[in-house]
Protein backbone atom coordinates (compact mmCIF):
# COMPACT_ATOMS: atom_id res chain seq x y z
CA UNK A 1 81.44 109.23 105.06
CA UNK A 2 84.63 107.69 106.41
CA UNK A 3 85.71 104.54 104.58
CA UNK A 4 85.84 101.22 106.38
CA UNK A 5 88.79 99.09 105.31
CA UNK A 6 88.27 95.34 105.15
CA UNK A 7 91.63 93.56 105.43
CA UNK A 8 90.20 90.38 103.92
CA UNK A 9 89.42 92.43 100.78
CA UNK A 10 93.05 93.60 100.75
CA UNK A 11 94.22 89.98 100.97
CA UNK A 12 92.09 89.24 97.90
CA UNK A 13 93.59 92.29 96.14
CA UNK A 14 97.07 90.84 96.66
CA UNK A 15 95.84 87.83 94.70
CA UNK A 16 98.43 85.40 96.03
CA UNK A 17 101.37 87.42 94.63
CA UNK A 18 104.17 87.36 97.21
CA UNK A 19 106.24 90.47 97.92
CA UNK A 20 103.78 92.73 96.05
CA UNK A 21 102.48 95.19 98.67
CA UNK A 22 99.14 96.94 98.27
CA UNK A 23 98.26 100.20 99.93
CA UNK A 24 95.74 99.86 102.74
CA UNK A 25 95.58 103.43 104.07
CA UNK A 26 97.39 106.76 104.34
CA UNK A 27 97.79 108.61 107.61
CA UNK A 28 99.50 112.01 107.37
CA UNK A 29 102.91 111.24 105.83
CA UNK A 30 102.62 107.52 106.63
CA UNK A 31 101.25 104.62 104.63
CA UNK A 32 99.97 101.23 105.73
CA UNK A 33 100.78 98.52 103.20
CA UNK A 34 99.91 94.83 103.23
CA UNK A 35 101.94 92.10 101.58
CA UNK A 36 101.99 88.36 101.32
CA UNK A 37 105.39 87.13 102.46
CA UNK A 38 106.55 83.78 101.11
CA UNK A 39 110.14 82.67 101.41
CA UNK A 40 112.93 85.18 101.89
CA UNK A 41 113.11 88.80 100.70
CA UNK A 42 116.56 90.40 100.36
CA UNK A 43 118.92 92.12 102.78
CA UNK A 44 118.38 95.87 102.82
CA UNK A 45 118.12 98.91 105.07
CA UNK A 46 116.27 102.19 105.03
CA UNK A 47 118.61 105.11 105.57
CA UNK A 48 116.06 107.59 106.92
CA UNK A 49 112.92 105.62 107.82
CA UNK A 50 111.79 103.20 110.52
CA UNK A 51 109.57 100.32 109.41
CA UNK A 52 106.90 98.54 111.47
CA UNK A 53 105.85 94.96 110.69
CA UNK A 54 102.53 93.63 112.06
CA UNK A 55 101.66 89.99 111.33
CA UNK A 56 97.98 89.41 110.52
CA UNK A 57 98.25 85.76 109.40
CA UNK A 58 101.19 83.40 109.56
CA UNK A 59 104.64 83.74 111.09
CA UNK A 60 107.74 85.64 109.96
CA UNK A 61 111.35 86.07 110.95
CA UNK A 62 113.05 89.43 110.58
CA UNK A 63 116.72 88.61 110.22
CA UNK A 64 118.97 91.40 111.54
CA UNK A 65 122.65 92.14 111.01
CA UNK A 66 124.75 91.98 114.17
CA UNK A 67 121.81 91.26 116.50
CA UNK A 68 119.40 88.42 117.21
CA UNK A 69 116.62 87.69 114.72
CA UNK A 70 113.03 88.55 115.63
CA UNK A 71 110.26 85.98 115.17
CA UNK A 72 106.72 87.38 114.91
CA UNK A 73 103.49 85.39 115.08
CA UNK A 74 99.92 86.49 114.39
CA UNK A 75 99.03 89.59 116.38
CA UNK A 76 102.66 90.57 117.04
CA UNK A 77 104.63 93.49 115.68
CA UNK A 78 108.12 94.98 115.76
CA UNK A 79 109.82 98.13 114.54
CA UNK A 80 113.04 97.98 112.55
CA UNK A 81 114.84 101.29 113.19
CA UNK A 82 116.27 103.27 110.30
CA UNK A 83 119.74 102.20 109.28
CA UNK A 84 119.36 98.60 110.54
CA UNK A 85 120.06 96.05 107.82
CA UNK A 86 117.31 93.43 107.78
CA UNK A 87 115.88 90.60 105.72
CA UNK A 88 112.29 89.45 106.30
CA UNK A 89 111.38 85.86 105.59
CA UNK A 90 108.21 83.89 106.14
CA UNK A 91 107.67 80.54 107.79
CA UNK A 92 104.87 79.64 105.40
CA UNK A 93 102.53 82.09 103.64
CA UNK A 94 102.11 85.14 105.88
CA UNK A 95 100.15 88.38 105.54
CA UNK A 96 101.84 91.38 107.08
CA UNK A 97 100.94 95.04 107.54
CA UNK A 98 103.86 97.43 107.18
CA UNK A 99 103.56 100.93 108.62
CA UNK A 100 106.10 103.24 107.02
CA UNK A 101 106.65 106.74 105.68
CA UNK A 102 104.94 107.16 102.31
CA UNK A 103 108.30 108.08 100.73
CA UNK A 104 109.72 104.66 101.61
CA UNK A 105 110.33 102.46 98.61
CA UNK A 106 109.28 98.86 99.24
CA UNK A 107 112.62 97.48 98.10
CA UNK A 108 114.79 99.42 100.60
CA UNK A 109 118.27 100.76 99.86
């Protein structure tokens, strides 16, 4: 039987710990992770991997080097291409799905 994934259960699994992603699902060589974003992360880039951010609850800003920032609200998503230095930050507690290659380390380069 195929598993059904309940995102509310994944929010409970996070347990209110910001910046501590949990795995939601694996698809081929990709992984879907969920994290609670609170405050600002750190500036980083991924040399070989794109990263997709999808906001489930809340609102975030993806700060980008040398280009305008991206603000995402619930139901919106954006892809940060490989090699682009970025720094996600939340505008209040926000739950975000990140679609990325399974080899990607959550902390970036």
